[in-house]
C-alpha atoms as a PDB file:
ATOM      1  CA  MET A   1       2.724  -2.572 -12.142  1.00  0.00           C
ATOM      2  CA  TYR A   2       3.903   0.924 -13.078  1.00  0.00           C
ATOM      3  CA  PHE A   3       1.000   2.984 -11.834  1.00  0.00           C
ATOM      4  CA  LEU A   4      -0.086   4.154  -8.414  1.00  0.00           C
ATOM      5  CA  GLN A   5      -3.564   2.930  -7.552  1.00  0.00           C
ATOM      6  CA  THR A   6      -6.009   5.661  -6.518  1.00  0.00           C
ATOM      7  CA  SER A   7      -9.313   3.808  -6.816  1.00  0.00           C
ATOM      8  CA  VAL A   8     -10.834   0.364  -6.325  1.00  0.00           C
ATOM      9  CA  GLN A   9     -13.086  -1.437  -8.784  1.00  0.00           C
ATOM     10  CA  ILE A  10     -15.653  -3.877  -7.369  1.00  0.00           C
ATOM     11  CA  GLY A  11     -17.886  -5.257 -10.064  1.00  0.00           C
ATOM     12  CA  GLN A  12     -19.321  -2.271 -11.925  1.00  0.00           C
ATOM     13  CA  ALA A  13     -18.714   0.120  -9.018  1.00  0.00           C
ATOM     14  CA  SER A  14     -15.619   2.273  -8.661  1.00  0.00           C
ATOM     15  CA  PHE A  15     -14.570   3.655  -5.267  1.00  0.00           C
ATOM     16  CA  GLU A  16     -12.007   6.441  -4.910  1.00  0.00           C
ATOM     17  CA  ILE A  17      -9.243   5.982  -2.344  1.00  0.00           C
ATOM     18  CA  ARG A  18      -9.152   8.989  -0.017  1.00  0.00           C
ATOM     19  CA  ASN A  19      -6.323  11.464  -0.615  1.00  0.00           C
ATOM     20  CA  LYS A  20      -5.282   9.436  -3.684  1.00  0.00           C
ATOM     21  CA  GLY A  21      -3.632   6.864  -1.379  1.00  0.00           C
ATOM     22  CA  ASP A  22      -1.416   9.234   0.633  1.00  0.00           C
ATOM     23  CA  PHE A  23       0.670   7.427   3.257  1.00  0.00           C
ATOM     24  CA  ARG A  24      -0.767   9.462   6.163  1.00  0.00           C
ATOM     25  CA  MET A  25      -4.287   8.247   5.353  1.00  0.00           C
ATOM     26  CA  VAL A  26      -3.083   4.621   5.432  1.00  0.00           C
ATOM     27  CA  LEU A  27      -1.404   5.172   8.791  1.00  0.00           C
ATOM     28  CA  ASP A  28      -4.712   6.605  10.061  1.00  0.00           C
ATOM     29  CA  CYS A  29      -6.374   3.359   8.904  1.00  0.00           C
ATOM     30  CA  PHE A  30      -3.788   1.336  10.834  1.00  0.00           C
ATOM     31  CA  ASN A  31      -4.503   3.403  13.944  1.00  0.00           C
ATOM     32  CA  ALA A  32      -8.234   2.747  13.562  1.00  0.00           C
ATOM     33  CA  LEU A  33      -7.685  -0.986  13.031  1.00  0.00           C
ATOM     34  CA  ASN A  34      -5.561  -1.164  16.187  1.00  0.00           C
ATOM     35  CA  ASP A  35      -7.667   1.113  18.419  1.00  0.00           C
ATOM     36  CA  SER A  36      -8.264  -0.982  21.538  1.00  0.00           C
ATOM     37  CA  GLU A  37     -11.126   1.292  22.601  1.00  0.00           C
ATOM     38  CA  LEU A  38     -13.189   0.185  19.585  1.00  0.00           C
ATOM     39  CA  THR A  39     -14.868  -3.147  18.941  1.00  0.00           C
ATOM     40  CA  GLU A  40     -13.573  -5.152  15.952  1.00  0.00           C
ATOM     41  CA  ARG A  41     -16.587  -4.040  13.937  1.00  0.00           C
ATOM     42  CA  GLU A  42     -16.016  -0.371  14.843  1.00  0.00           C
ATOM     43  CA  GLN A  43     -12.332  -0.735  13.914  1.00  0.00           C
ATOM     44  CA  LEU A  44     -13.287  -2.158  10.517  1.00  0.00           C
ATOM     45  CA  TYR A  45     -15.933   0.465   9.771  1.00  0.00           C
ATOM     46  CA  SER A  46     -13.664   3.298  10.919  1.00  0.00           C
ATOM     47  CA  ALA A  47     -10.841   2.130   8.657  1.00  0.00           C
ATOM     48  CA  LEU A  48     -13.179   1.765   5.674  1.00  0.00           C
ATOM     49  CA  ILE A  49     -14.580   5.274   6.214  1.00  0.00           C
ATOM     50  CA  ILE A  50     -11.048   6.672   6.430  1.00  0.00           C
ATOM     51  CA  PHE A  51      -9.859   4.730   3.369  1.00  0.00           C
ATOM     52  CA  TYR A  52     -12.693   5.307   0.899  1.00  0.00           C
ATOM     53  CA  GLU A  53     -13.482   8.847  -0.224  1.00  0.00           C
ATOM     54  CA  ASP A  54     -17.039   7.736  -1.029  1.00  0.00           C
ATOM     55  CA  PHE A  55     -17.860   7.112   2.662  1.00  0.00           C
ATOM     56  CA  ASN A  56     -17.940   9.986   5.106  1.00  0.00           C
ATOM     57  CA  SER A  57     -20.140   8.332   7.693  1.00  0.00           C
ATOM     58  CA  LEU A  58     -21.362   4.969   8.895  1.00  0.00           C
ATOM     59  CA  GLU A  59     -24.638   5.638   7.117  1.00  0.00           C
ATOM     60  CA  ASP A  60     -22.818   6.088   3.777  1.00  0.00           C
ATOM     61  CA  LEU A  61     -20.907   2.856   4.322  1.00  0.00           C
ATOM     62  CA  LEU A  62     -23.961   0.864   5.341  1.00  0.00           C
ATOM     63  CA  ASP A  63     -25.682   1.850   2.076  1.00  0.00           C
ATOM     64  CA  HIS A  64     -23.134  -0.591   0.558  1.00  0.00           C
ATOM     65  CA  GLU A  65     -23.188  -3.147   3.382  1.00  0.00           C
ATOM     66  CA  GLU A  66     -23.208  -6.145   1.029  1.00  0.00           C
ATOM     67  CA  LEU A  67     -19.845  -4.935  -0.342  1.00  0.00           C
ATOM     68  CA  ILE A  68     -18.097  -4.550   3.027  1.00  0.00           C
ATOM     69  CA  PRO A  69     -16.123  -7.834   2.821  1.00  0.00           C
ATOM     70  CA  GLU A  70     -14.932  -6.959  -0.685  1.00  0.00           C
ATOM     71  CA  LEU A  71     -14.189  -3.334   0.318  1.00  0.00           C
ATOM     72  CA  PHE A  72     -12.094  -4.628   3.216  1.00  0.00           C
ATOM     73  CA  LYS A  73     -10.277  -7.137   0.992  1.00  0.00           C
ATOM     74  CA  GLU A  74      -9.423  -4.418  -1.531  1.00  0.00           C
ATOM     75  CA  MET A  75      -8.267  -2.059   1.226  1.00  0.00           C
ATOM     76  CA  THR A  76      -5.865  -4.631   2.706  1.00  0.00           C
ATOM     77  CA  LYS A  77      -4.680  -5.527  -0.792  1.00  0.00           C
ATOM     78  CA  PHE A  78      -3.848  -1.839  -1.310  1.00  0.00           C
ATOM     79  CA  PHE A  79      -1.951  -1.809   2.009  1.00  0.00           C
ATOM     80  CA  ASP A  80       0.163  -4.660   0.587  1.00  0.00           C
ATOM     81  CA  CYS A  81       0.923  -2.791  -2.687  1.00  0.00           C
ATOM     82  CA  GLY A  82      -1.678  -4.721  -4.658  1.00  0.00           C
ATOM     83  CA  ASP A  83      -0.458  -8.128  -3.479  1.00  0.00           C
ATOM     84  CA  GLU A  84      -3.384 -10.365  -2.548  1.00  0.00           C
ATOM     85  CA  GLU A  85      -1.214 -12.844  -0.692  1.00  0.00           C
ATOM     86  CA  SER A  86       1.246 -10.764   1.272  1.00  0.00           C
ATOM     87  CA  LYS A  87       3.741 -12.818   3.178  1.00  0.00           C
ATOM     88  CA  SER A  88       5.367 -11.725   6.403  1.00  0.00           C
ATOM     89  CA  ASN A  89       8.737 -13.020   7.478  1.00  0.00           C
ATOM     90  CA  SER A  90       8.297 -11.935  11.093  1.00  0.00           C
ATOM     91  CA  GLY A  91       7.046 -15.324  12.238  1.00  0.00           C
ATOM     92  CA  GLY A  92       3.651 -13.966  13.282  1.00  0.00           C
ATOM     93  CA  TYR A  93       5.042 -11.183  15.442  1.00  0.00           C
ATOM     94  CA  ASN A  94       4.309  -7.479  15.064  1.00  0.00           C
ATOM     95  CA  LEU A  95       7.803  -6.038  15.027  1.00  0.00           C
ATOM     96  CA  VAL A  96       6.771  -2.499  14.082  1.00  0.00           C
ATOM     97  CA  ASP A  97       4.276  -0.200  15.750  1.00  0.00           C
ATOM     98  CA  TRP A  98       3.583   2.364  13.024  1.00  0.00           C
ATOM     99  CA  ASN A  99       2.386   4.894  15.595  1.00  0.00           C
ATOM    100  CA  LYS A 100       4.997   4.514  18.346  1.00  0.00           C
ATOM    101  CA  ASP A 101       7.831   4.045  15.852  1.00  0.00           C
ATOM    102  CA  SER A 102       6.793   6.945  13.602  1.00  0.00           C
ATOM    103  CA  ASN A 103       9.797   9.171  14.331  1.00  0.00           C
ATOM    104  CA  LEU A 104      12.252   6.319  13.804  1.00  0.00           C
ATOM    105  CA  ILE A 105      10.500   5.209  10.617  1.00  0.00           C
ATOM    106  CA  CYS A 106      10.326   8.704   9.151  1.00  0.00           C
ATOM    107  CA  SER A 107      13.951   9.381  10.019  1.00  0.00           C
ATOM    108  CA  ALA A 108      15.031   6.213   8.217  1.00  0.00           C
ATOM    109  CA  ILE A 109      12.765   6.915   5.229  1.00  0.00           C
ATOM    110  CA  ASN A 110      13.946  10.538   5.034  1.00  0.00           C
ATOM    111  CA  ASN A 111      17.484   9.208   4.716  1.00  0.00           C
ATOM    112  CA  VAL A 112      16.466   7.018   1.764  1.00  0.00           C
ATOM    113  CA  ALA A 113      14.252   9.679   0.124  1.00  0.00           C
ATOM    114  CA  HIS A 114      16.798  12.455   0.715  1.00  0.00           C
ATOM    115  CA  GLN A 115      14.016  14.731   1.953  1.00  0.00           C
ATOM    116  CA  GLU A 116      11.564  15.186   4.798  1.00  0.00           C
ATOM    117  CA  VAL A 117       8.625  13.046   3.657  1.00  0.00           C
ATOM    118  CA  ARG A 118       6.271  14.442   6.296  1.00  0.00           C
ATOM    119  CA  ALA A 119       6.636  17.891   4.705  1.00  0.00           C
ATOM    120  CA  LEU A 120       5.432  16.640   1.330  1.00  0.00           C
ATOM    121  CA  GLU A 121       1.848  17.499   0.451  1.00  0.00           C
ATOM    122  CA  TYR A 122       1.382  14.066  -1.084  1.00  0.00           C
ATOM    123  CA  LEU A 123       3.279  10.783  -1.048  1.00  0.00           C
ATOM    124  CA  HIS A 124       1.526   7.647  -2.261  1.00  0.00           C
ATOM    125  CA  TRP A 125       1.551   4.732   0.188  1.00  0.00           C
ATOM    126  CA  TRP A 126       3.312   2.464  -2.316  1.00  0.00           C
ATOM    127  CA  THR A 127       6.117   4.994  -2.771  1.00  0.00           C
ATOM    128  CA  PHE A 128       6.376   5.332   1.006  1.00  0.00           C
ATOM    129  CA  LEU A 129       6.647   1.520   1.284  1.00  0.00           C
ATOM    130  CA  GLY A 130       9.270   1.501  -1.467  1.00  0.00           C
ATOM    131  CA  TYR A 131      11.374   3.863   0.609  1.00  0.00           C
ATOM    132  CA  TYR A 132      10.634   1.742   3.681  1.00  0.00           C
ATOM    133  CA  ALA A 133      11.865  -1.391   1.895  1.00  0.00           C
ATOM    134  CA  ALA A 134      15.134   0.374   1.020  1.00  0.00           C
ATOM    135  CA  ILE A 135      15.983   1.271   4.604  1.00  0.00           C
ATOM    136  CA  GLY A 136      19.493   0.097   5.341  1.00  0.00           C
ATOM    137  CA  GLU A 137      21.503  -0.018   8.517  1.00  0.00           C
ATOM    138  CA  CYS A 138      20.114   2.527  10.974  1.00  0.00           C
ATOM    139  CA  THR A 139      18.706   2.798  14.489  1.00  0.00           C
ATOM    140  CA  PHE A 140      15.273   1.657  13.331  1.00  0.00           C
ATOM    141  CA  SER A 141      16.593  -1.467  11.582  1.00  0.00           C
ATOM    142  CA  THR A 142      18.684  -2.296  14.668  1.00  0.00           C
ATOM    143  CA  ILE A 143      15.614  -2.022  16.888  1.00  0.00           C
ATOM    144  CA  VAL A 144      13.506  -4.220  14.586  1.00  0.00           C
ATOM    145  CA  THR A 145      16.302  -6.804  14.476  1.00  0.00           C
ATOM    146  CA  LEU A 146      16.506  -6.844  18.272  1.00  0.00           C
ATOM    147  CA  ARG A 147      12.716  -7.143  18.569  1.00  0.00           C
ATOM    148  CA  TYR A 148      12.853 -10.089  16.183  1.00  0.00           C
ATOM    149  CA  LYS A 149      15.590 -11.773  18.197  1.00  0.00           C
ATOM    150  CA  LYS A 150      13.718 -11.207  21.465  1.00  0.00           C
ATOM    151  CA  ALA A 151      10.433 -12.495  20.035  1.00  0.00           C
ATOM    152  CA  HIS A 152      12.116 -15.675  18.795  1.00  0.00           C
ATOM    153  CA  GLY A 153      14.217 -16.219  21.904  1.00  0.00           C
ATOM    154  CA  ASP A 154      17.487 -15.830  19.994  1.00  0.00           C
ATOM    155  CA  LYS A 155      20.658 -15.261  21.962  1.00  0.00           C
ATOM    156  CA  LEU A 156      21.481 -11.581  22.389  1.00  0.00           C
ATOM    157  CA  GLU A 157      25.024 -10.286  22.403  1.00  0.00           C
ATOM    158  CA  LYS A 158      26.184  -8.272  25.403  1.00  0.00           C
ATOM    159  CA  TYR A 159      26.046  -4.969  23.470  1.00  0.00           C
ATOM    160  CA  GLU A 160      22.512  -5.819  22.292  1.00  0.00           C
ATOM    161  CA  ARG A 161      21.318  -6.488  25.849  1.00  0.00           C
ATOM    162  CA  LYS A 162      22.905  -3.191  26.898  1.00  0.00           C
ATOM    163  CA  PHE A 163      21.160  -1.319  24.070  1.00  0.00           C
ATOM    164  CA  ILE A 164      17.790  -2.791  25.111  1.00  0.00           C
ATOM    165  CA  GLN A 165      18.436  -1.956  28.760  1.00  0.00           C
ATOM    166  CA  GLU A 166      19.397   1.644  27.906  1.00  0.00           C
ATOM    167  CA  ASN A 167      16.448   2.130  25.504  1.00  0.00           C
ATOM    168  CA  PRO A 168      13.478   0.297  27.052  1.00  0.00           C
ATOM    169  CA  ASN A 169      10.913   2.610  25.407  1.00  0.00           C
ATOM    170  CA  TYR A 170      11.740   1.035  22.013  1.00  0.00           C
ATOM    171  CA  PHE A 171      10.855  -2.391  23.321  1.00  0.00           C
ATOM    172  CA  ASN A 172       7.601  -1.590  25.133  1.00  0.00           C
ATOM    173  CA  ILE A 173       5.352  -2.618  22.264  1.00  0.00           C
ATOM    174  CA  ASP A 174       3.013  -5.574  22.065  1.00  0.00           C
ATOM    175  CA  MET A 175       4.663  -7.788  19.467  1.00  0.00           C
ATOM    176  CA  ARG A 176       2.021 -10.507  19.586  1.00  0.00           C
ATOM    177  CA  SER A 177      -0.012 -11.062  16.450  1.00  0.00           C
ATOM    178  CA  ALA A 178      -3.815 -10.844  16.598  1.00  0.00           C
ATOM    179  CA  ALA A 179      -4.011 -14.663  16.675  1.00  0.00           C
ATOM    180  CA  GLN A 180      -1.546 -14.816  19.568  1.00  0.00           C
ATOM    181  CA  LYS A 181      -3.512 -12.179  21.508  1.00  0.00           C
ATOM    182  CA  GLU A 182      -6.727 -14.125  20.947  1.00  0.00           C
ATOM    183  CA  ALA A 183      -5.096 -17.357  22.146  1.00  0.00           C
ATOM    184  CA  ASP A 184      -3.644 -15.619  25.221  1.00  0.00           C
ATOM    185  CA  ASP A 185      -7.055 -14.125  26.072  1.00  0.00           C
ATOM    186  CA  TYR A 186      -8.660 -17.551  25.710  1.00  0.00           C
ATOM    187  CA  VAL A 187      -6.131 -19.131  28.090  1.00  0.00           C
ATOM    188  CA  LYS A 188      -6.649 -16.317  30.613  1.00  0.00           C
ATOM    189  CA  LYS A 189     -10.398 -16.926  30.532  1.00  0.00           C
ATOM    190  CA  LEU A 190      -9.880 -20.660  31.039  1.00  0.00           C
ATOM    191  CA  TRP A 191      -7.766 -20.004  34.118  1.00  0.00           C
ATOM    192  CA  GLY A 192      -9.977 -17.256  35.472  1.00  0.00           C
ATOM    193  CA  GLY A 193      -7.549 -14.466  34.680  1.00  0.00           C
ATOM    194  CA  GLY A 194      -9.811 -12.334  32.535  1.00  0.00           C
END
């Protein structure tokens, strides 16, 4: 509870987390897992190679192929600060795009941390998420709130509609969850649209 995880134990084997769990490495994993140019398998393998210091290539990873499901489980558990059953309150929508929103996120986190976090040589992912959780009222939180309202069909106030209209680039993200995307693709195939 009061330590920052830097390795993963699976059975008798210990695997070091690359860069001791620095937040930038985790964001690189997210980019790999969301790279639409890769197959799901390539996304998974890329993220595992980025995450674990022990794997520098596909060949290294495949030497431990029987452990891949457990390696993935431990990686996602780390992403959720050690919580095996992370719960989202977004209703199945992706309200944040860690890549596209990076400047907004870092600006909000810098305000909480009272320093430029991108200039730090090292900042553990869990500390980064702690700062993220403490973000108060700011442009980023306003945008996430508006995305939530739009995704759920909630009534928008006039000033909120105006903000969205004046800042469309903040709302040009795909907020559908992976399950929603899969369902949409299935329906398109049924109707000959894809």
